[in-house]
N, C-alpha and C. Protein backbone atom coordinates (compact mmCIF):
# COMPACT_ATOMS: atom_id res chain seq x y z
N MET A 1 -278.55 31.40 -88.19
CA MET A 1 -279.84 31.65 -87.60
C MET A 1 -279.61 32.26 -86.22
N SER A 2 -280.42 33.25 -85.88
CA SER A 2 -280.36 33.82 -84.53
C SER A 2 -281.76 33.89 -83.97
N PHE A 3 -281.85 33.90 -82.66
CA PHE A 3 -283.15 33.95 -82.00
C PHE A 3 -282.98 34.49 -80.59
N SER A 4 -284.11 34.73 -79.94
CA SER A 4 -284.08 35.18 -78.55
C SER A 4 -284.89 34.20 -77.71
N THR A 5 -284.75 34.31 -76.40
CA THR A 5 -285.42 33.38 -75.49
C THR A 5 -285.67 34.07 -74.16
N GLN A 6 -286.42 33.42 -73.32
CA GLN A 6 -286.66 33.89 -71.96
C GLN A 6 -285.80 33.07 -71.02
N VAL A 7 -285.16 33.74 -70.06
CA VAL A 7 -284.32 33.04 -69.10
C VAL A 7 -284.52 33.60 -67.70
N SER A 8 -284.11 32.84 -66.74
CA SER A 8 -284.05 33.31 -65.37
C SER A 8 -282.79 34.16 -65.23
N ILE A 9 -282.82 35.16 -64.39
CA ILE A 9 -281.64 36.00 -64.16
C ILE A 9 -280.47 35.16 -63.64
N ASP A 10 -280.78 34.03 -63.03
CA ASP A 10 -279.73 33.14 -62.52
C ASP A 10 -278.84 32.60 -63.62
N ALA A 11 -279.31 32.61 -64.86
CA ALA A 11 -278.50 32.12 -65.98
C ALA A 11 -277.21 32.92 -66.12
N ALA A 12 -277.24 34.18 -65.73
CA ALA A 12 -276.05 35.03 -65.84
C ALA A 12 -274.92 34.58 -64.91
N ARG A 13 -275.25 33.77 -63.94
CA ARG A 13 -274.24 33.27 -62.99
C ARG A 13 -273.49 32.05 -63.52
N ASP A 14 -273.88 31.60 -64.71
CA ASP A 14 -273.29 30.39 -65.28
C ASP A 14 -272.58 30.73 -66.59
N PRO A 15 -271.28 31.05 -66.51
CA PRO A 15 -270.55 31.47 -67.70
C PRO A 15 -270.59 30.45 -68.84
N GLU A 16 -270.58 29.17 -68.50
CA GLU A 16 -270.64 28.14 -69.55
C GLU A 16 -271.98 28.19 -70.28
N LEU A 17 -273.07 28.36 -69.53
CA LEU A 17 -274.38 28.45 -70.15
C LEU A 17 -274.48 29.68 -71.05
N VAL A 18 -273.96 30.81 -70.60
CA VAL A 18 -273.97 32.03 -71.40
C VAL A 18 -273.18 31.82 -72.69
N GLN A 19 -272.03 31.19 -72.59
CA GLN A 19 -271.20 30.90 -73.75
C GLN A 19 -271.95 30.00 -74.74
N LEU A 20 -272.57 28.95 -74.22
CA LEU A 20 -273.30 28.02 -75.08
C LEU A 20 -274.49 28.70 -75.76
N CYS A 21 -275.15 29.60 -75.06
CA CYS A 21 -276.27 30.34 -75.66
C CYS A 21 -275.77 31.18 -76.84
N GLY A 22 -274.64 31.83 -76.66
CA GLY A 22 -274.07 32.61 -77.76
C GLY A 22 -273.71 31.73 -78.94
N GLU A 23 -273.12 30.59 -78.68
CA GLU A 23 -272.74 29.67 -79.75
C GLU A 23 -273.98 29.11 -80.47
N ALA A 24 -275.10 29.01 -79.74
CA ALA A 24 -276.33 28.49 -80.33
C ALA A 24 -277.05 29.53 -81.18
N GLY A 25 -276.59 30.79 -81.11
CA GLY A 25 -277.21 31.83 -81.93
C GLY A 25 -278.17 32.73 -81.19
N ILE A 26 -278.24 32.61 -79.88
CA ILE A 26 -279.13 33.49 -79.11
C ILE A 26 -278.53 34.89 -79.11
N THR A 27 -279.30 35.85 -79.59
CA THR A 27 -278.82 37.23 -79.67
C THR A 27 -279.55 38.16 -78.71
N GLY A 28 -280.55 37.64 -78.01
CA GLY A 28 -281.28 38.46 -77.05
C GLY A 28 -282.03 37.58 -76.06
N VAL A 29 -282.20 38.09 -74.87
CA VAL A 29 -282.94 37.36 -73.84
C VAL A 29 -283.94 38.29 -73.16
N PHE A 30 -285.03 37.72 -72.72
CA PHE A 30 -286.02 38.42 -71.93
C PHE A 30 -285.93 37.88 -70.52
N VAL A 31 -285.77 38.77 -69.56
CA VAL A 31 -285.70 38.36 -68.16
C VAL A 31 -286.95 38.91 -67.47
N GLY A 32 -287.80 38.04 -66.98
CA GLY A 32 -289.01 38.46 -66.29
C GLY A 32 -288.72 38.89 -64.87
N ILE A 33 -289.55 39.79 -64.37
CA ILE A 33 -289.45 40.23 -62.98
C ILE A 33 -290.65 39.67 -62.23
N GLU A 34 -290.39 38.81 -61.29
CA GLU A 34 -291.45 38.24 -60.47
C GLU A 34 -291.19 38.64 -59.03
N THR A 35 -292.18 39.27 -58.42
CA THR A 35 -292.02 39.69 -57.04
C THR A 35 -293.38 39.86 -56.39
N PRO A 36 -293.47 39.56 -55.13
CA PRO A 36 -294.72 39.83 -54.41
C PRO A 36 -294.76 41.25 -53.84
N ASN A 37 -293.70 42.02 -54.04
CA ASN A 37 -293.59 43.36 -53.47
C ASN A 37 -294.29 44.39 -54.36
N GLN A 38 -295.34 45.03 -53.85
CA GLN A 38 -296.10 46.00 -54.63
C GLN A 38 -295.25 47.17 -55.12
N ASP A 39 -294.32 47.65 -54.30
CA ASP A 39 -293.44 48.75 -54.73
C ASP A 39 -292.60 48.35 -55.93
N SER A 40 -292.09 47.12 -55.90
CA SER A 40 -291.29 46.64 -57.03
C SER A 40 -292.14 46.49 -58.29
N LEU A 41 -293.37 46.03 -58.13
CA LEU A 41 -294.26 45.89 -59.28
C LEU A 41 -294.54 47.26 -59.91
N ARG A 42 -294.79 48.27 -59.07
CA ARG A 42 -295.02 49.61 -59.59
C ARG A 42 -293.78 50.14 -60.30
N GLU A 43 -292.62 49.92 -59.71
CA GLU A 43 -291.36 50.41 -60.27
C GLU A 43 -291.08 49.82 -61.65
N THR A 44 -291.44 48.56 -61.85
CA THR A 44 -291.20 47.91 -63.14
C THR A 44 -292.40 48.04 -64.07
N LYS A 45 -293.41 48.81 -63.62
CA LYS A 45 -294.62 49.07 -64.41
C LYS A 45 -295.36 47.79 -64.76
N LYS A 46 -295.35 46.84 -63.80
CA LYS A 46 -296.10 45.62 -64.00
C LYS A 46 -297.39 45.70 -63.19
N SER A 47 -298.44 45.16 -63.76
CA SER A 47 -299.68 45.09 -63.00
C SER A 47 -299.71 43.72 -62.34
N GLY A 48 -300.40 43.67 -61.29
CA GLY A 48 -300.51 42.39 -60.58
C GLY A 48 -300.93 42.63 -59.16
N LYS A 49 -301.56 41.64 -58.62
CA LYS A 49 -301.99 41.73 -57.24
C LYS A 49 -301.24 40.68 -56.44
N THR A 50 -300.88 41.05 -55.27
CA THR A 50 -300.26 40.08 -54.39
C THR A 50 -301.28 39.71 -53.31
N SER A 51 -301.15 38.54 -52.80
CA SER A 51 -302.05 38.15 -51.70
C SER A 51 -301.33 38.42 -50.41
N GLU A 52 -301.65 39.54 -49.84
CA GLU A 52 -300.99 39.95 -48.59
C GLU A 52 -301.84 39.61 -47.41
C-alpha cells in the first residue's frame, strides 16, 4: 500500500523521519506554503490576505 500526506518542510531535516515515512509506504508529500508576505503569496499563486 502507498499513500501521500501533508508535512511541514521541517520534516526534511529529520533523516530518521524521512526513512520511516518511506518504510511506511509514503510515496508523496504535500508541503504547504504559509507566509504573511504578500510578494511570497503572489509568487506561489496563493490567494490570501494578511493583516498588515
